[in-house]
Amino acid sequence: QVQLVESGGGLVQPGGSLRLSCAASRSSIRFTNVGWYRQAPGKERELVAIITSDGMANYADSVKGRFTISRGNTVTLQMNSLKPEDTAVYYCNLGGSIAAPGYYWGQGTQVTVSS
């Protein structure tokens, strides 16, 4: 069993930045794909960014150029130029691909972009 813990969410004004982090209870996070998903009220959960074990990253079109995913001992999502439509609960996911998420999810962290 792997536990994922997200941190770094909060309230930010439009145009601001936040940095999310995902930590795992086991070192397995270093050897598999890790993705960030988000779910806004009334909407489906969607893939925001995913990074492979060797550091290749893919992004949703809506966040390209604004968000950056990176990995070390944790997986971080640097979010810049935030927009109100980025407001959602953000979840870390382990072991998935662009096509489908993996089995393990974190509990989620709220990101609210509002003036």
N, C-alpha and C. Protein backbone atom coordinates (compact mmCIF):
# COMPACT_ATOMS: atom_id res chain seq x y z
N GLN A 1 0.84 -1.19 0.00
CA GLN A 1 0.00 0.00 0.00
C GLN A 1 0.88 1.25 0.00
N VAL A 2 0.53 2.19 -0.86
CA VAL A 2 1.26 3.45 -0.95
C VAL A 2 0.33 4.58 -0.55
N GLN A 3 0.80 5.44 0.30
CA GLN A 3 0.03 6.64 0.66
C GLN A 3 0.66 7.86 0.02
N LEU A 4 -0.18 8.67 -0.59
CA LEU A 4 0.27 9.91 -1.21
C LEU A 4 -0.30 11.09 -0.43
N VAL A 5 0.53 12.09 -0.21
CA VAL A 5 0.10 13.27 0.54
C VAL A 5 0.44 14.51 -0.26
N GLU A 6 -0.60 15.28 -0.58
CA GLU A 6 -0.40 16.54 -1.29
C GLU A 6 -0.32 17.69 -0.28
N SER A 7 0.39 18.72 -0.66
CA SER A 7 0.46 19.92 0.15
C SER A 7 0.67 21.12 -0.77
N GLY A 8 0.41 22.31 -0.24
CA GLY A 8 0.71 23.53 -0.98
C GLY A 8 -0.48 24.26 -1.56
N GLY A 9 -1.67 23.74 -1.39
CA GLY A 9 -2.84 24.44 -1.92
C GLY A 9 -3.15 25.67 -1.10
N GLY A 10 -4.14 26.43 -1.57
CA GLY A 10 -4.55 27.62 -0.85
C GLY A 10 -5.31 28.57 -1.73
N LEU A 11 -5.44 29.79 -1.22
CA LEU A 11 -6.15 30.86 -1.92
C LEU A 11 -5.13 31.82 -2.52
N VAL A 12 -5.30 32.15 -3.78
CA VAL A 12 -4.38 33.04 -4.46
C VAL A 12 -5.18 33.93 -5.42
N GLN A 13 -4.68 35.12 -5.65
CA GLN A 13 -5.33 36.03 -6.58
C GLN A 13 -5.01 35.65 -8.02
N PRO A 14 -5.86 36.00 -8.96
CA PRO A 14 -5.56 35.75 -10.37
C PRO A 14 -4.20 36.34 -10.74
N GLY A 15 -3.43 35.57 -11.51
CA GLY A 15 -2.10 35.98 -11.87
C GLY A 15 -1.03 35.52 -10.90
N GLY A 16 -1.44 35.00 -9.77
CA GLY A 16 -0.51 34.56 -8.75
C GLY A 16 0.03 33.16 -9.01
N SER A 17 0.81 32.68 -8.05
CA SER A 17 1.46 31.37 -8.18
C SER A 17 1.25 30.54 -6.93
N LEU A 18 1.27 29.24 -7.13
CA LEU A 18 1.27 28.28 -6.04
C LEU A 18 2.16 27.11 -6.45
N ARG A 19 2.67 26.43 -5.44
CA ARG A 19 3.51 25.26 -5.68
C ARG A 19 2.93 24.10 -4.87
N LEU A 20 2.52 23.06 -5.59
CA LEU A 20 1.99 21.87 -4.94
C LEU A 20 3.07 20.80 -4.87
N SER A 21 3.03 20.02 -3.80
CA SER A 21 3.98 18.92 -3.65
C SER A 21 3.24 17.62 -3.35
N CYS A 22 3.78 16.54 -3.85
CA CYS A 22 3.22 15.20 -3.61
C CYS A 22 4.33 14.33 -3.05
N ALA A 23 4.09 13.82 -1.86
CA ALA A 23 5.05 12.93 -1.23
C ALA A 23 4.41 11.56 -1.07
N ALA A 24 5.26 10.53 -1.13
CA ALA A 24 4.76 9.16 -1.02
C ALA A 24 5.36 8.47 0.20
N SER A 25 4.62 7.51 0.71
CA SER A 25 5.07 6.79 1.90
C SER A 25 6.20 5.82 1.59
N ARG A 26 6.37 5.52 0.31
CA ARG A 26 7.43 4.63 -0.10
C ARG A 26 8.25 5.25 -1.22
N SER A 27 9.43 4.74 -1.41
CA SER A 27 10.31 5.29 -2.44
C SER A 27 9.84 4.98 -3.85
N SER A 28 8.73 4.24 -3.97
CA SER A 28 8.23 3.86 -5.28
C SER A 28 7.90 5.07 -6.15
N ILE A 29 7.70 6.23 -5.51
CA ILE A 29 7.36 7.41 -6.30
C ILE A 29 8.48 7.75 -7.27
N ARG A 30 9.67 7.34 -6.96
CA ARG A 30 10.79 7.68 -7.82
C ARG A 30 10.87 6.81 -9.07
N PHE A 31 10.12 5.71 -9.09
CA PHE A 31 10.31 4.73 -10.16
C PHE A 31 9.09 4.54 -11.04
N THR A 32 8.12 5.44 -10.93
CA THR A 32 6.91 5.29 -11.72
C THR A 32 6.37 6.64 -12.12
N ASN A 33 5.41 6.62 -13.04
CA ASN A 33 4.79 7.87 -13.48
C ASN A 33 3.98 8.48 -12.33
N VAL A 34 4.00 9.79 -12.27
CA VAL A 34 3.19 10.51 -11.29
C VAL A 34 2.43 11.62 -12.00
N GLY A 35 1.16 11.69 -11.74
CA GLY A 35 0.33 12.68 -12.39
C GLY A 35 -0.37 13.59 -11.39
N TRP A 36 -0.68 14.78 -11.83
CA TRP A 36 -1.54 15.71 -11.09
C TRP A 36 -2.86 15.83 -11.83
N TYR A 37 -3.94 15.60 -11.13
CA TYR A 37 -5.28 15.75 -11.66
C TYR A 37 -5.99 16.85 -10.88
N ARG A 38 -7.08 17.33 -11.43
CA ARG A 38 -7.90 18.28 -10.71
C ARG A 38 -9.36 18.04 -10.99
N GLN A 39 -10.17 18.43 -10.03
CA GLN A 39 -11.61 18.30 -10.19
C GLN A 39 -12.28 19.54 -9.64
N ALA A 40 -12.96 20.24 -10.52
CA ALA A 40 -13.73 21.41 -10.13
C ALA A 40 -15.17 20.98 -9.82
N PRO A 41 -15.89 21.76 -9.05
CA PRO A 41 -17.28 21.40 -8.71
C PRO A 41 -18.12 21.18 -9.95
N GLY A 42 -18.81 20.06 -10.00
CA GLY A 42 -19.69 19.75 -11.12
C GLY A 42 -18.99 19.29 -12.38
N LYS A 43 -17.69 19.09 -12.29
CA LYS A 43 -16.93 18.67 -13.48
C LYS A 43 -16.22 17.34 -13.25
N GLU A 44 -15.84 16.71 -14.33
CA GLU A 44 -15.08 15.47 -14.26
C GLU A 44 -13.65 15.76 -13.81
N ARG A 45 -13.05 14.76 -13.17
CA ARG A 45 -11.63 14.89 -12.83
C ARG A 45 -10.83 14.83 -14.13
N GLU A 46 -9.84 15.72 -14.24
CA GLU A 46 -9.06 15.79 -15.47
C GLU A 46 -7.56 15.78 -15.17
N LEU A 47 -6.82 15.25 -16.11
CA LEU A 47 -5.36 15.24 -16.00
C LEU A 47 -4.82 16.63 -16.27
N VAL A 48 -3.97 17.09 -15.39
CA VAL A 48 -3.34 18.40 -15.54
C VAL A 48 -1.93 18.24 -16.09
N ALA A 49 -1.17 17.35 -15.49
CA ALA A 49 0.21 17.12 -15.91
C ALA A 49 0.64 15.75 -15.41
N ILE A 50 1.57 15.16 -16.15
CA ILE A 50 2.09 13.86 -15.75
C ILE A 50 3.57 13.82 -16.09
N ILE A 51 4.33 13.16 -15.24
CA ILE A 51 5.77 13.05 -15.46
C ILE A 51 6.16 11.58 -15.33
N THR A 52 6.99 11.12 -16.28
CA THR A 52 7.43 9.73 -16.25
C THR A 52 8.60 9.56 -15.28
N SER A 53 8.98 8.32 -15.07
CA SER A 53 10.07 8.03 -14.14
C SER A 53 11.39 8.62 -14.61
N ASP A 54 11.53 8.82 -15.93
CA ASP A 54 12.76 9.41 -16.44
C ASP A 54 12.62 10.90 -16.76
N GLY A 55 11.52 11.51 -16.27
CA GLY A 55 11.41 12.95 -16.32
C GLY A 55 10.70 13.56 -17.51
N MET A 56 10.09 12.75 -18.36
CA MET A 56 9.33 13.30 -19.48
C MET A 56 7.98 13.79 -18.97
N ALA A 57 7.61 14.99 -19.40
CA ALA A 57 6.38 15.60 -18.89
C ALA A 57 5.38 15.87 -20.01
N ASN A 58 4.13 15.75 -19.67
CA ASN A 58 3.05 16.12 -20.58
C ASN A 58 2.04 16.96 -19.82
N TYR A 59 1.40 17.89 -20.53
CA TYR A 59 0.49 18.83 -19.89
C TYR A 59 -0.82 18.91 -20.64
N ALA A 60 -1.87 19.22 -19.91
CA ALA A 60 -3.13 19.58 -20.54
C ALA A 60 -2.94 20.89 -21.29
N ASP A 61 -3.64 21.04 -22.39
CA ASP A 61 -3.49 22.26 -23.19
C ASP A 61 -3.82 23.51 -22.37
N SER A 62 -4.73 23.38 -21.44
CA SER A 62 -5.19 24.54 -20.67
C SER A 62 -4.13 25.07 -19.71
N VAL A 63 -3.08 24.29 -19.44
CA VAL A 63 -2.06 24.74 -18.49
C VAL A 63 -0.68 24.86 -19.10
N LYS A 64 -0.53 24.49 -20.37
CA LYS A 64 0.78 24.57 -21.02
C LYS A 64 1.32 26.00 -20.96
N GLY A 65 2.58 26.09 -20.61
CA GLY A 65 3.22 27.39 -20.51
C GLY A 65 3.02 28.08 -19.17
N ARG A 66 2.13 27.54 -18.35
CA ARG A 66 1.88 28.15 -17.04
C ARG A 66 2.26 27.21 -15.89
N PHE A 67 2.08 25.92 -16.09
CA PHE A 67 2.37 24.94 -15.04
C PHE A 67 3.62 24.14 -15.43
N THR A 68 4.38 23.75 -14.41
CA THR A 68 5.55 22.92 -14.61
C THR A 68 5.57 21.81 -13.58
N ILE A 69 5.68 20.58 -14.06
CA ILE A 69 5.78 19.43 -13.17
C ILE A 69 7.24 18.98 -13.12
N SER A 70 7.70 18.64 -11.93
CA SER A 70 9.08 18.19 -11.79
C SER A 70 9.14 17.16 -10.68
N ARG A 71 10.26 16.43 -10.64
CA ARG A 71 10.35 15.38 -9.64
C ARG A 71 11.74 15.30 -9.04
N GLY A 72 11.76 14.91 -7.81
CA GLY A 72 12.97 14.63 -7.06
C GLY A 72 12.54 13.59 -6.04
N ASN A 73 12.70 13.86 -4.77
CA ASN A 73 12.15 12.98 -3.74
C ASN A 73 10.63 13.13 -3.63
N THR A 74 10.13 14.26 -4.10
CA THR A 74 8.70 14.49 -4.24
C THR A 74 8.41 14.92 -5.67
N VAL A 75 7.14 14.99 -6.00
CA VAL A 75 6.76 15.51 -7.31
C VAL A 75 6.04 16.82 -7.08
N THR A 76 6.51 17.86 -7.73
CA THR A 76 5.95 19.18 -7.53
C THR A 76 5.24 19.68 -8.77
N LEU A 77 4.27 20.53 -8.56
CA LEU A 77 3.56 21.20 -9.64
C LEU A 77 3.64 22.69 -9.37
N GLN A 78 4.45 23.37 -10.14
CA GLN A 78 4.57 24.82 -10.03
C GLN A 78 3.51 25.44 -10.92
N MET A 79 2.64 26.23 -10.33
CA MET A 79 1.53 26.82 -11.07
C MET A 79 1.69 28.34 -11.07
N ASN A 80 1.87 28.90 -12.24
CA ASN A 80 2.03 30.34 -12.41
C ASN A 80 0.88 30.91 -13.23
N SER A 81 0.74 32.20 -13.17
CA SER A 81 -0.30 32.89 -13.95
C SER A 81 -1.67 32.22 -13.75
N LEU A 82 -1.99 31.99 -12.50
CA LEU A 82 -3.22 31.26 -12.19
C LEU A 82 -4.45 32.06 -12.58
N LYS A 83 -5.46 31.31 -13.02
CA LYS A 83 -6.73 31.88 -13.47
C LYS A 83 -7.86 31.35 -12.59
N PRO A 84 -8.96 32.05 -12.53
CA PRO A 84 -10.10 31.54 -11.74
C PRO A 84 -10.53 30.14 -12.17
N GLU A 85 -10.39 29.84 -13.44
CA GLU A 85 -10.79 28.52 -13.92
C GLU A 85 -9.84 27.40 -13.49
N ASP A 86 -8.74 27.75 -12.86
CA ASP A 86 -7.85 26.75 -12.28
C ASP A 86 -8.33 26.29 -10.91
N THR A 87 -9.34 26.94 -10.39
CA THR A 87 -9.88 26.57 -9.08
C THR A 87 -10.42 25.15 -9.11
N ALA A 88 -9.92 24.32 -8.20
CA ALA A 88 -10.29 22.90 -8.15
C ALA A 88 -9.60 22.25 -6.97
N VAL A 89 -9.98 21.02 -6.71
CA VAL A 89 -9.21 20.17 -5.82
C VAL A 89 -8.19 19.44 -6.68
N TYR A 90 -6.94 19.53 -6.29
CA TYR A 90 -5.85 18.91 -7.04
C TYR A 90 -5.41 17.63 -6.34
N TYR A 91 -5.27 16.57 -7.15
CA TYR A 91 -4.94 15.25 -6.62
C TYR A 91 -3.65 14.74 -7.27
N CYS A 92 -2.87 14.09 -6.47
CA CYS A 92 -1.69 13.39 -6.94
C CYS A 92 -2.07 11.94 -7.24
N ASN A 93 -1.51 11.39 -8.30
CA ASN A 93 -1.83 10.01 -8.69
C ASN A 93 -0.56 9.28 -9.08
N LEU A 94 -0.49 8.02 -8.68
CA LEU A 94 0.72 7.22 -8.89
C LEU A 94 0.46 6.07 -9.84
N GLY A 95 1.35 5.93 -10.82
CA GLY A 95 1.34 4.74 -11.65
C GLY A 95 0.47 4.79 -12.88
N GLY A 96 -0.05 5.96 -13.24
CA GLY A 96 -0.91 6.06 -14.40
C GLY A 96 -0.17 6.44 -15.66
N SER A 97 -0.95 6.79 -16.68
CA SER A 97 -0.41 7.25 -17.95
C SER A 97 -1.31 8.37 -18.46
N ILE A 98 -0.98 8.86 -19.65
CA ILE A 98 -1.83 9.89 -20.25
C ILE A 98 -3.24 9.34 -20.48
N ALA A 99 -3.31 8.05 -20.76
CA ALA A 99 -4.60 7.44 -21.10
C ALA A 99 -5.49 7.20 -19.89
N ALA A 100 -4.89 6.89 -18.75
CA ALA A 100 -5.69 6.54 -17.59
C ALA A 100 -4.89 6.70 -16.30
N PRO A 101 -5.55 7.05 -15.21
CA PRO A 101 -4.83 7.19 -13.94
C PRO A 101 -4.44 5.84 -13.36
N GLY A 102 -3.50 5.89 -12.42
CA GLY A 102 -3.11 4.70 -11.70
C GLY A 102 -4.01 4.45 -10.51
N TYR A 103 -3.66 3.47 -9.73
CA TYR A 103 -4.52 3.02 -8.63
C TYR A 103 -4.46 3.94 -7.42
N TYR A 104 -3.33 4.53 -7.15
CA TYR A 104 -3.14 5.27 -5.90
C TYR A 104 -3.40 6.76 -6.07
N TRP A 105 -4.21 7.28 -5.14
CA TRP A 105 -4.55 8.70 -5.13
C TRP A 105 -4.22 9.32 -3.78
N GLY A 106 -3.89 10.59 -3.81
CA GLY A 106 -3.79 11.34 -2.57
C GLY A 106 -5.16 11.84 -2.16
N GLN A 107 -5.20 12.55 -1.03
CA GLN A 107 -6.48 13.02 -0.51
C GLN A 107 -6.96 14.31 -1.16
N GLY A 108 -6.07 14.97 -1.88
CA GLY A 108 -6.41 16.19 -2.57
C GLY A 108 -6.09 17.44 -1.77
N THR A 109 -5.81 18.51 -2.49
CA THR A 109 -5.57 19.81 -1.87
C THR A 109 -6.32 20.88 -2.67
N GLN A 110 -6.99 21.77 -1.94
CA GLN A 110 -7.83 22.78 -2.59
C GLN A 110 -6.98 23.94 -3.10
N VAL A 111 -7.22 24.30 -4.34
CA VAL A 111 -6.64 25.51 -4.93
C VAL A 111 -7.78 26.43 -5.33
N THR A 112 -7.77 27.63 -4.80
CA THR A 112 -8.81 28.60 -5.11
C THR A 112 -8.16 29.86 -5.66
N VAL A 113 -8.57 30.24 -6.87
CA VAL A 113 -8.03 31.43 -7.51
C VAL A 113 -9.16 32.45 -7.57
N SER A 114 -9.02 33.49 -6.78
CA SER A 114 -10.10 34.47 -6.67
C SER A 114 -9.55 35.79 -6.16
N SER A 115 -10.17 36.87 -6.63
CA SER A 115 -9.80 38.19 -6.13
C SER A 115 -10.70 38.59 -4.96
